[in-house]
């Protein structure tokens, strides 16, 4: 009787752990929901069957400097912008993903609605780059870079793109403008 009960418990545990559904909004180092660093552009329709995928036509892609693919949910809300590593190639994979929807979050809870203080609290900052209008904060742990508008910085740092900006100079309350995941 004990062997049968033990066997039933083991089988139940195996089935419940195998049937765990993947969170479609979880951001990890090599995946965002069902997208991975090896997902082919040709597979997007299977990954987003209920969402709208907006791609440029071949003619538009040749005239454009990029070939970004936009993903919208069924309500028309922008979710992601995907940049393939090759133009007009169904075997191409995704090189960068711009996260637009706040439902997407990292394992440590960072979303598009997070602040610099949230990033700093949960992740090690790998690098900070100063650009003309933004500050870009890199977190290698999750292959992410977070863009913060310079308007969120003290006035003395807003207009000089040559000054080196340190983490201590960025207010904890500085909001994320958007963030991206980069895969090679």
N, C-alpha and C. Protein backbone atom coordinates (compact mmCIF):
# COMPACT_ATOMS: atom_id res chain seq x y z
N UNK A 1 0.82 -1.19 0.00
CA UNK A 1 0.00 0.00 0.00
C UNK A 1 0.86 1.26 0.00
N UNK A 2 1.94 1.26 0.81
CA UNK A 2 2.82 2.41 0.88
C UNK A 2 3.52 2.64 -0.46
N UNK A 3 3.90 1.54 -1.13
CA UNK A 3 4.58 1.66 -2.42
C UNK A 3 3.64 2.27 -3.46
N UNK A 4 2.38 1.88 -3.44
CA UNK A 4 1.41 2.42 -4.39
C UNK A 4 1.19 3.91 -4.11
N UNK A 5 1.05 4.26 -2.86
CA UNK A 5 0.85 5.66 -2.49
C UNK A 5 2.07 6.50 -2.86
N UNK A 6 3.24 6.00 -2.59
CA UNK A 6 4.48 6.69 -2.94
C UNK A 6 4.60 6.84 -4.45
N UNK A 7 4.26 5.81 -5.19
CA UNK A 7 4.30 5.87 -6.66
C UNK A 7 3.33 6.91 -7.19
N UNK A 8 2.12 6.96 -6.64
CA UNK A 8 1.14 7.95 -7.05
C UNK A 8 1.61 9.39 -6.78
N UNK A 9 2.23 9.58 -5.64
CA UNK A 9 2.75 10.91 -5.30
C UNK A 9 3.85 11.31 -6.28
N UNK A 10 4.76 10.42 -6.58
CA UNK A 10 5.85 10.71 -7.52
C UNK A 10 5.31 11.02 -8.90
N UNK A 11 4.35 10.24 -9.37
CA UNK A 11 3.76 10.48 -10.70
C UNK A 11 3.05 11.83 -10.73
N UNK A 12 2.32 12.15 -9.66
CA UNK A 12 1.63 13.44 -9.59
C UNK A 12 2.61 14.60 -9.64
N UNK A 13 3.69 14.48 -8.90
CA UNK A 13 4.71 15.55 -8.89
C UNK A 13 5.32 15.71 -10.27
N UNK A 14 5.62 14.62 -10.94
CA UNK A 14 6.21 14.67 -12.29
C UNK A 14 5.25 15.35 -13.26
N UNK A 15 3.99 14.95 -13.26
CA UNK A 15 3.03 15.54 -14.19
C UNK A 15 2.78 17.02 -13.91
N UNK A 16 2.70 17.42 -12.66
CA UNK A 16 2.45 18.82 -12.37
C UNK A 16 3.66 19.68 -12.70
N UNK A 17 4.87 19.17 -12.52
CA UNK A 17 6.05 19.96 -12.85
C UNK A 17 6.25 20.05 -14.36
N UNK A 18 5.88 19.02 -15.11
CA UNK A 18 6.03 19.03 -16.56
C UNK A 18 5.00 19.92 -17.23
N UNK A 19 3.84 20.06 -16.62
CA UNK A 19 2.77 20.81 -17.26
C UNK A 19 2.82 22.30 -16.93
N UNK A 20 3.87 22.74 -16.23
CA UNK A 20 4.00 24.15 -15.90
C UNK A 20 4.09 24.98 -17.17
N UNK A 21 3.22 25.94 -17.30
CA UNK A 21 3.19 26.77 -18.49
C UNK A 21 4.20 27.89 -18.37
N UNK A 22 4.88 28.19 -19.46
CA UNK A 22 5.88 29.25 -19.48
C UNK A 22 5.20 30.61 -19.45
N UNK A 23 5.69 31.48 -18.61
CA UNK A 23 5.15 32.83 -18.51
C UNK A 23 5.50 33.60 -19.79
N UNK A 24 4.51 34.03 -20.57
CA UNK A 24 4.79 34.70 -21.84
C UNK A 24 5.36 36.11 -21.67
N UNK A 25 5.41 36.62 -20.45
CA UNK A 25 5.91 37.98 -20.21
C UNK A 25 7.19 38.01 -19.38
N UNK A 26 7.80 36.85 -19.11
CA UNK A 26 9.01 36.80 -18.29
C UNK A 26 10.25 37.06 -19.15
N UNK A 27 11.09 37.98 -18.69
CA UNK A 27 12.34 38.31 -19.37
C UNK A 27 13.49 37.65 -18.62
N UNK A 28 14.22 36.80 -19.33
CA UNK A 28 15.41 36.16 -18.78
C UNK A 28 16.58 36.46 -19.71
N UNK A 29 17.76 36.00 -19.38
CA UNK A 29 18.96 36.35 -20.15
C UNK A 29 18.85 35.97 -21.63
N UNK A 30 18.36 34.79 -21.95
CA UNK A 30 18.32 34.34 -23.34
C UNK A 30 16.91 34.13 -23.87
N UNK A 31 15.92 34.66 -23.17
CA UNK A 31 14.56 34.58 -23.69
C UNK A 31 13.65 35.64 -23.10
N UNK A 32 12.62 35.94 -23.88
CA UNK A 32 11.52 36.79 -23.43
C UNK A 32 10.28 35.98 -23.73
N UNK A 33 9.65 35.45 -22.69
CA UNK A 33 8.50 34.57 -22.90
C UNK A 33 8.92 33.40 -23.78
N UNK A 34 8.24 33.24 -24.91
CA UNK A 34 8.53 32.15 -25.82
C UNK A 34 9.63 32.48 -26.84
N UNK A 35 10.05 33.73 -26.90
CA UNK A 35 11.13 34.12 -27.80
C UNK A 35 12.47 33.77 -27.17
N UNK A 36 13.35 33.18 -27.96
CA UNK A 36 14.69 32.87 -27.46
C UNK A 36 15.72 33.51 -28.38
N UNK A 37 16.96 33.42 -27.99
CA UNK A 37 18.03 33.99 -28.80
C UNK A 37 18.24 33.22 -30.11
N UNK A 38 17.56 32.09 -30.27
CA UNK A 38 17.67 31.33 -31.52
C UNK A 38 16.34 31.25 -32.28
N UNK A 39 15.33 32.01 -31.86
CA UNK A 39 14.04 32.03 -32.55
C UNK A 39 14.22 32.60 -33.95
N UNK A 40 13.67 31.90 -34.92
CA UNK A 40 13.73 32.37 -36.31
C UNK A 40 12.52 33.28 -36.59
N UNK A 41 12.74 34.25 -37.44
CA UNK A 41 11.67 35.18 -37.82
C UNK A 41 10.47 34.41 -38.40
N UNK A 42 10.75 33.32 -39.10
CA UNK A 42 9.69 32.51 -39.70
C UNK A 42 8.78 31.88 -38.65
N UNK A 43 9.23 31.77 -37.40
CA UNK A 43 8.46 31.13 -36.34
C UNK A 43 7.58 32.10 -35.53
N UNK A 44 7.62 33.37 -35.86
CA UNK A 44 6.89 34.36 -35.06
C UNK A 44 5.38 34.13 -35.06
N UNK A 45 4.83 33.69 -36.18
CA UNK A 45 3.38 33.45 -36.23
C UNK A 45 2.94 32.35 -35.27
N UNK A 46 3.80 31.36 -35.03
CA UNK A 46 3.48 30.30 -34.07
C UNK A 46 3.61 30.80 -32.63
N UNK A 47 4.54 31.69 -32.38
CA UNK A 47 4.78 32.20 -31.03
C UNK A 47 3.72 33.22 -30.62
N UNK A 48 3.26 34.02 -31.59
CA UNK A 48 2.25 35.05 -31.32
C UNK A 48 0.99 34.79 -32.15
N UNK A 49 0.31 33.65 -31.94
CA UNK A 49 -0.83 33.30 -32.80
C UNK A 49 -2.03 34.24 -32.65
N UNK A 50 -2.19 34.87 -31.49
CA UNK A 50 -3.35 35.74 -31.27
C UNK A 50 -3.00 37.22 -31.36
N UNK A 51 -1.77 37.52 -31.71
CA UNK A 51 -1.31 38.91 -31.75
C UNK A 51 -1.05 39.33 -33.19
N UNK A 52 -0.91 40.62 -33.41
CA UNK A 52 -0.63 41.15 -34.74
C UNK A 52 0.87 41.34 -34.91
N UNK A 53 1.38 40.87 -36.02
CA UNK A 53 2.79 41.00 -36.34
C UNK A 53 2.88 41.91 -37.57
N UNK A 54 3.55 43.04 -37.41
CA UNK A 54 3.64 44.01 -38.50
C UNK A 54 5.07 44.01 -39.03
N UNK A 55 5.21 43.54 -40.27
CA UNK A 55 6.51 43.50 -40.94
C UNK A 55 6.46 44.42 -42.14
N UNK A 56 7.60 44.94 -42.52
CA UNK A 56 7.68 45.71 -43.75
C UNK A 56 7.60 44.76 -44.94
N UNK A 57 7.04 45.22 -46.04
CA UNK A 57 7.08 44.41 -47.26
C UNK A 57 8.52 44.42 -47.77
N UNK A 58 8.85 43.52 -48.69
CA UNK A 58 10.20 43.46 -49.22
C UNK A 58 10.62 44.80 -49.82
N UNK A 59 9.72 45.44 -50.55
CA UNK A 59 10.03 46.73 -51.17
C UNK A 59 10.29 47.80 -50.12
N UNK A 60 9.44 47.84 -49.07
CA UNK A 60 9.63 48.81 -48.00
C UNK A 60 10.94 48.56 -47.26
N UNK A 61 11.28 47.29 -47.04
CA UNK A 61 12.50 46.94 -46.32
C UNK A 61 13.74 47.41 -47.07
N UNK A 62 13.73 47.29 -48.39
CA UNK A 62 14.88 47.75 -49.17
C UNK A 62 15.04 49.27 -49.11
N UNK A 63 13.93 49.98 -48.96
CA UNK A 63 13.97 51.43 -48.90
C UNK A 63 14.26 51.94 -47.49
N UNK A 64 14.13 51.09 -46.52
CA UNK A 64 14.30 51.48 -45.12
C UNK A 64 15.70 51.10 -44.63
N UNK A 65 16.15 51.80 -43.60
CA UNK A 65 17.45 51.50 -43.01
C UNK A 65 17.36 50.31 -42.06
N UNK A 66 16.16 49.94 -41.65
CA UNK A 66 16.01 48.81 -40.75
C UNK A 66 14.83 47.94 -41.18
N UNK A 67 14.70 46.83 -40.54
CA UNK A 67 13.63 45.89 -40.87
C UNK A 67 12.97 45.43 -39.57
N UNK A 68 12.56 46.40 -38.76
CA UNK A 68 11.96 46.07 -37.47
C UNK A 68 10.60 45.43 -37.65
N UNK A 69 10.28 44.53 -36.73
CA UNK A 69 9.01 43.83 -36.73
C UNK A 69 8.30 44.22 -35.44
N UNK A 70 7.09 44.76 -35.57
CA UNK A 70 6.34 45.21 -34.41
C UNK A 70 5.30 44.16 -34.04
N UNK A 71 5.16 43.93 -32.74
CA UNK A 71 4.18 42.96 -32.22
C UNK A 71 3.16 43.74 -31.39
N UNK A 72 1.87 43.56 -31.72
CA UNK A 72 0.77 44.20 -31.00
C UNK A 72 -0.14 43.11 -30.45
N UNK A 73 -0.73 43.34 -29.27
CA UNK A 73 -1.70 42.38 -28.76
C UNK A 73 -3.03 42.56 -29.48
N UNK A 74 -3.99 41.69 -29.19
CA UNK A 74 -5.27 41.72 -29.91
C UNK A 74 -6.06 42.99 -29.66
N UNK A 75 -5.72 43.75 -28.61
CA UNK A 75 -6.38 45.03 -28.34
C UNK A 75 -5.69 46.19 -29.04
N UNK A 76 -4.60 45.92 -29.74
CA UNK A 76 -3.88 46.96 -30.46
C UNK A 76 -2.77 47.63 -29.68
N UNK A 77 -2.47 47.12 -28.49
CA UNK A 77 -1.39 47.68 -27.68
C UNK A 77 -0.04 47.17 -28.15
N UNK A 78 0.93 48.07 -28.29
CA UNK A 78 2.28 47.67 -28.71
C UNK A 78 2.95 46.86 -27.61
N UNK A 79 3.49 45.70 -27.98
CA UNK A 79 4.17 44.83 -27.03
C UNK A 79 5.68 44.92 -27.15
N UNK A 80 6.17 44.63 -28.36
CA UNK A 80 7.61 44.52 -28.60
C UNK A 80 7.95 45.04 -30.00
N UNK A 81 9.20 45.42 -30.19
CA UNK A 81 9.74 45.71 -31.52
C UNK A 81 10.96 44.81 -31.66
N UNK A 82 10.93 43.94 -32.65
CA UNK A 82 12.01 42.97 -32.87
C UNK A 82 12.88 43.43 -34.04
N UNK A 83 14.18 43.33 -33.87
CA UNK A 83 15.11 43.64 -34.96
C UNK A 83 15.86 42.38 -35.33
N UNK A 84 15.64 41.87 -36.55
CA UNK A 84 16.34 40.65 -36.98
C UNK A 84 17.82 40.94 -37.28
N UNK A 85 18.61 39.88 -37.25
CA UNK A 85 20.03 40.05 -37.53
C UNK A 85 20.31 40.12 -39.03
N UNK A 86 19.34 39.76 -39.88
CA UNK A 86 19.46 39.87 -41.33
C UNK A 86 18.14 40.39 -41.88
N UNK A 87 18.23 41.18 -42.93
CA UNK A 87 17.02 41.69 -43.57
C UNK A 87 16.43 40.66 -44.51
N UNK A 88 15.12 40.60 -44.57
CA UNK A 88 14.36 39.79 -45.53
C UNK A 88 14.91 38.37 -45.64
N UNK A 89 15.03 37.71 -44.51
CA UNK A 89 15.54 36.34 -44.49
C UNK A 89 14.75 35.59 -43.41
N UNK A 90 13.96 34.62 -43.83
CA UNK A 90 13.11 33.90 -42.87
C UNK A 90 13.93 33.05 -41.89
N UNK A 91 15.19 32.77 -42.22
CA UNK A 91 16.03 32.01 -41.29
C UNK A 91 16.75 32.93 -40.30
N UNK A 92 16.56 34.23 -40.45
CA UNK A 92 17.20 35.19 -39.55
C UNK A 92 16.67 35.00 -38.13
N UNK A 93 17.49 35.34 -37.18
CA UNK A 93 17.09 35.30 -35.78
C UNK A 93 16.98 36.74 -35.27
N UNK A 94 16.55 36.89 -34.04
CA UNK A 94 16.34 38.22 -33.46
C UNK A 94 17.63 38.69 -32.81
N UNK A 95 18.04 39.91 -33.13
CA UNK A 95 19.25 40.44 -32.51
C UNK A 95 18.92 41.36 -31.33
N UNK A 96 17.88 42.20 -31.47
CA UNK A 96 17.48 43.05 -30.35
C UNK A 96 15.96 43.11 -30.24
N UNK A 97 15.51 43.32 -29.02
CA UNK A 97 14.08 43.43 -28.73
C UNK A 97 13.86 44.67 -27.88
N UNK A 98 13.02 45.56 -28.38
CA UNK A 98 12.63 46.74 -27.61
C UNK A 98 11.35 46.39 -26.86
N UNK A 99 11.39 46.48 -25.55
CA UNK A 99 10.25 46.13 -24.71
C UNK A 99 9.40 47.39 -24.51
N UNK A 100 8.13 47.31 -24.90
CA UNK A 100 7.23 48.46 -24.81
C UNK A 100 6.14 48.28 -23.76
N UNK A 101 5.70 47.06 -23.54
CA UNK A 101 4.57 46.79 -22.66
C UNK A 101 5.07 46.48 -21.25
N UNK A 102 4.41 47.08 -20.26
CA UNK A 102 4.85 46.91 -18.87
C UNK A 102 4.53 45.54 -18.29
N UNK A 103 3.79 44.71 -19.01
CA UNK A 103 3.55 43.34 -18.52
C UNK A 103 4.82 42.49 -18.60
N UNK A 104 5.71 42.87 -19.49
CA UNK A 104 6.99 42.16 -19.59
C UNK A 104 7.86 42.58 -18.42
N UNK A 105 8.36 41.60 -17.68
CA UNK A 105 9.20 41.92 -16.54
C UNK A 105 10.29 40.89 -16.36
N UNK A 106 11.39 41.34 -15.78
CA UNK A 106 12.51 40.45 -15.51
C UNK A 106 12.17 39.58 -14.31
N UNK A 107 13.00 38.59 -14.06
CA UNK A 107 12.80 37.72 -12.90
C UNK A 107 12.80 38.51 -11.60
N UNK A 108 13.47 39.67 -11.61
CA UNK A 108 13.56 40.49 -10.41
C UNK A 108 12.57 41.65 -10.43
N UNK A 109 11.60 41.60 -11.36
CA UNK A 109 10.49 42.54 -11.35
C UNK A 109 10.69 43.85 -12.08
N UNK A 110 11.72 44.01 -12.88
CA UNK A 110 11.95 45.26 -13.60
C UNK A 110 11.05 45.30 -14.84
N UNK A 111 10.32 46.41 -15.02
CA UNK A 111 9.44 46.62 -16.17
C UNK A 111 9.73 47.99 -16.77
N UNK A 112 8.97 48.35 -17.79
CA UNK A 112 9.11 49.68 -18.38
C UNK A 112 8.67 50.78 -17.41
N UNK A 113 7.98 50.41 -16.36
CA UNK A 113 7.52 51.39 -15.37
C UNK A 113 8.47 51.50 -14.18
N UNK A 114 9.58 50.79 -14.23
CA UNK A 114 10.56 50.82 -13.14
C UNK A 114 11.40 52.10 -13.21
N UNK A 115 12.19 52.30 -12.19
CA UNK A 115 13.08 53.46 -12.12
C UNK A 115 14.54 53.00 -12.09
N UNK A 116 15.44 53.96 -12.21
CA UNK A 116 16.87 53.63 -12.12
C UNK A 116 17.18 53.00 -10.76
N UNK A 117 16.54 53.49 -9.71
CA UNK A 117 16.75 52.92 -8.38
C UNK A 117 16.37 51.45 -8.32
N UNK A 118 15.30 51.07 -9.02
CA UNK A 118 14.89 49.67 -9.07
C UNK A 118 15.96 48.81 -9.77
N UNK A 119 16.47 49.33 -10.87
CA UNK A 119 17.52 48.60 -11.61
C UNK A 119 18.73 48.41 -10.71
N UNK A 120 19.17 49.49 -10.11
CA UNK A 120 20.37 49.46 -9.27
C UNK A 120 20.20 48.54 -8.06
N UNK A 121 18.99 48.48 -7.54
CA UNK A 121 18.71 47.64 -6.37
C UNK A 121 18.79 46.15 -6.71
N UNK A 122 18.39 45.78 -7.94
CA UNK A 122 18.29 44.37 -8.29
C UNK A 122 19.40 43.83 -9.18
N UNK A 123 20.13 44.71 -9.86
CA UNK A 123 21.14 44.26 -10.81
C UNK A 123 22.43 45.05 -10.66
N UNK A 124 23.52 44.43 -11.09
CA UNK A 124 24.81 45.11 -11.13
C UNK A 124 24.88 45.87 -12.45
N UNK A 125 25.12 47.16 -12.37
CA UNK A 125 25.25 48.00 -13.56
C UNK A 125 26.60 47.69 -14.19
N UNK A 126 26.60 47.31 -15.48
CA UNK A 126 27.83 46.95 -16.17
C UNK A 126 28.52 48.16 -16.79
N UNK A 127 27.71 49.11 -17.27
CA UNK A 127 28.28 50.26 -17.96
C UNK A 127 27.19 51.33 -18.09
N UNK A 128 27.62 52.57 -18.20
CA UNK A 128 26.70 53.69 -18.44
C UNK A 128 27.27 54.50 -19.59
N UNK A 129 26.45 54.70 -20.62
CA UNK A 129 26.87 55.49 -21.79
C UNK A 129 26.07 56.78 -21.85
N UNK A 130 26.75 57.86 -22.16
CA UNK A 130 26.13 59.17 -22.29
C UNK A 130 25.93 59.45 -23.78
N UNK A 131 24.69 59.71 -24.21
CA UNK A 131 24.41 60.06 -25.60
C UNK A 131 23.86 61.49 -25.64
N UNK A 132 23.46 61.94 -26.79
CA UNK A 132 23.00 63.32 -26.92
C UNK A 132 21.76 63.59 -26.08
N UNK A 133 20.75 62.70 -26.16
CA UNK A 133 19.49 62.94 -25.46
C UNK A 133 19.21 61.98 -24.31
N UNK A 134 19.99 60.90 -24.22
CA UNK A 134 19.70 59.85 -23.25
C UNK A 134 20.94 59.37 -22.53
N UNK A 135 20.70 58.63 -21.47
CA UNK A 135 21.73 57.87 -20.79
C UNK A 135 21.33 56.41 -20.95
N UNK A 136 22.28 55.57 -21.35
CA UNK A 136 21.99 54.16 -21.56
C UNK A 136 22.71 53.36 -20.47
N UNK A 137 21.94 52.58 -19.73
CA UNK A 137 22.45 51.80 -18.61
C UNK A 137 22.46 50.33 -19.02
N UNK A 138 23.64 49.70 -19.00
CA UNK A 138 23.79 48.32 -19.44
C UNK A 138 23.82 47.38 -18.24
N UNK A 139 23.09 46.27 -18.37
CA UNK A 139 23.08 45.21 -17.36
C UNK A 139 23.38 43.90 -18.10
N UNK A 140 24.64 43.49 -18.05
CA UNK A 140 25.06 42.28 -18.78
C UNK A 140 24.42 41.01 -18.26
N UNK A 141 24.06 40.99 -16.99
CA UNK A 141 23.46 39.81 -16.37
C UNK A 141 22.23 39.30 -17.13
N UNK A 142 21.48 40.23 -17.74
CA UNK A 142 20.28 39.84 -18.50
C UNK A 142 20.33 40.33 -19.95
N UNK A 143 21.51 40.71 -20.43
CA UNK A 143 21.67 41.20 -21.81
C UNK A 143 20.76 42.38 -22.10
N UNK A 144 20.60 43.27 -21.14
CA UNK A 144 19.66 44.38 -21.29
C UNK A 144 20.37 45.72 -21.26
N UNK A 145 19.76 46.69 -21.93
CA UNK A 145 20.18 48.08 -21.76
C UNK A 145 18.94 48.95 -21.63
N UNK A 146 18.99 49.80 -20.62
CA UNK A 146 17.86 50.64 -20.24
C UNK A 146 18.17 52.08 -20.66
N UNK A 147 17.23 52.71 -21.31
CA UNK A 147 17.41 54.09 -21.76
C UNK A 147 16.64 55.02 -20.84
N UNK A 148 17.35 56.04 -20.35
CA UNK A 148 16.77 57.05 -19.47
C UNK A 148 16.95 58.40 -20.15
N UNK A 149 15.87 59.15 -20.25
CA UNK A 149 15.92 60.47 -20.86
C UNK A 149 16.78 61.39 -19.99
N UNK A 150 17.63 62.20 -20.63
CA UNK A 150 18.49 63.11 -19.87
C UNK A 150 17.70 64.15 -19.10
N UNK A 151 16.44 64.36 -19.44
CA UNK A 151 15.60 65.30 -18.70
C UNK A 151 15.41 64.84 -17.25
N UNK A 152 15.67 63.55 -17.01
CA UNK A 152 15.55 62.98 -15.66
C UNK A 152 16.80 63.27 -14.81
N UNK A 153 17.85 63.80 -15.44
CA UNK A 153 19.12 64.06 -14.75
C UNK A 153 19.20 65.50 -14.26
N UNK A 154 20.14 65.78 -13.36
CA UNK A 154 20.37 67.16 -12.96
C UNK A 154 20.75 68.01 -14.19
N UNK A 155 20.40 69.28 -14.17
CA UNK A 155 20.62 70.18 -15.31
C UNK A 155 22.08 70.19 -15.76
N UNK A 156 23.02 70.06 -14.85
CA UNK A 156 24.44 70.11 -15.21
C UNK A 156 24.87 68.94 -16.09
N UNK A 157 24.08 67.88 -16.17
CA UNK A 157 24.43 66.70 -16.97
C UNK A 157 23.61 66.56 -18.24
N UNK A 158 22.62 67.40 -18.43
CA UNK A 158 21.67 67.22 -19.52
C UNK A 158 22.20 67.62 -20.90
N UNK A 159 23.15 68.51 -20.98
CA UNK A 159 23.51 69.07 -22.27
C UNK A 159 24.91 68.72 -22.76
N UNK A 160 25.68 68.00 -21.97
CA UNK A 160 27.04 67.64 -22.36
C UNK A 160 27.11 66.13 -22.59
N UNK A 161 27.26 65.74 -23.86
CA UNK A 161 27.33 64.31 -24.17
C UNK A 161 28.73 63.74 -24.01
N UNK A 162 29.70 64.59 -23.64
CA UNK A 162 31.08 64.12 -23.46
C UNK A 162 31.42 63.80 -22.01
N UNK A 163 30.62 64.30 -21.08
CA UNK A 163 30.89 64.06 -19.67
C UNK A 163 30.59 62.60 -19.32
N UNK A 164 31.43 62.01 -18.48
CA UNK A 164 31.20 60.64 -18.02
C UNK A 164 30.18 60.67 -16.89
N UNK A 165 29.12 59.93 -17.06
CA UNK A 165 28.07 59.90 -16.04
C UNK A 165 28.22 58.63 -15.21
N UNK A 166 28.22 58.81 -13.92
CA UNK A 166 28.34 57.70 -12.97
C UNK A 166 26.95 57.39 -12.40
N UNK A 167 26.79 56.18 -11.91
CA UNK A 167 25.51 55.75 -11.35
C UNK A 167 25.04 56.66 -10.22
N UNK A 168 25.96 57.13 -9.43
CA UNK A 168 25.60 57.99 -8.28
C UNK A 168 24.99 59.32 -8.73
N UNK A 169 25.24 59.73 -9.98
CA UNK A 169 24.72 61.00 -10.49
C UNK A 169 23.29 60.88 -11.05
N UNK A 170 22.84 59.66 -11.25
CA UNK A 170 21.50 59.44 -11.79
C UNK A 170 20.52 59.30 -10.61
N UNK A 171 19.49 60.13 -10.56
CA UNK A 171 18.53 60.03 -9.45
C UNK A 171 17.84 58.66 -9.43
N UNK A 172 17.62 58.15 -8.25
CA UNK A 172 16.94 56.85 -8.13
C UNK A 172 15.54 56.89 -8.72
N UNK A 173 14.93 58.06 -8.75
CA UNK A 173 13.57 58.20 -9.27
C UNK A 173 13.51 58.36 -10.79
N UNK A 174 14.68 58.38 -11.45
CA UNK A 174 14.71 58.55 -12.92
C UNK A 174 13.97 57.39 -13.57
N UNK A 175 12.99 57.74 -14.42
CA UNK A 175 12.15 56.72 -15.06
C UNK A 175 12.83 56.15 -16.29
N UNK A 176 12.51 54.89 -16.58
CA UNK A 176 13.00 54.23 -17.78
C UNK A 176 12.16 54.70 -18.96
N UNK A 177 12.82 55.17 -19.99
CA UNK A 177 12.13 55.59 -21.22
C UNK A 177 11.70 54.33 -21.98
N UNK A 178 12.62 53.40 -22.13
CA UNK A 178 12.35 52.07 -22.68
C UNK A 178 13.55 51.20 -22.38
N UNK A 179 13.39 49.90 -22.58
CA UNK A 179 14.58 49.07 -22.46
C UNK A 179 14.60 48.01 -23.53
N UNK A 180 15.81 47.54 -23.78
CA UNK A 180 16.02 46.59 -24.88
C UNK A 180 16.84 45.41 -24.38
N UNK A 181 16.60 44.30 -25.03
CA UNK A 181 17.38 43.10 -24.81
C UNK A 181 18.20 42.87 -26.08
N UNK A 182 19.47 42.61 -25.94
CA UNK A 182 20.34 42.41 -27.09
C UNK A 182 20.95 41.02 -27.09
N UNK A 183 20.76 40.32 -28.19
CA UNK A 183 21.35 38.99 -28.35
C UNK A 183 22.30 39.01 -29.54
N UNK A 184 23.40 38.33 -29.42
CA UNK A 184 24.34 38.22 -30.55
C UNK A 184 24.17 36.92 -31.26
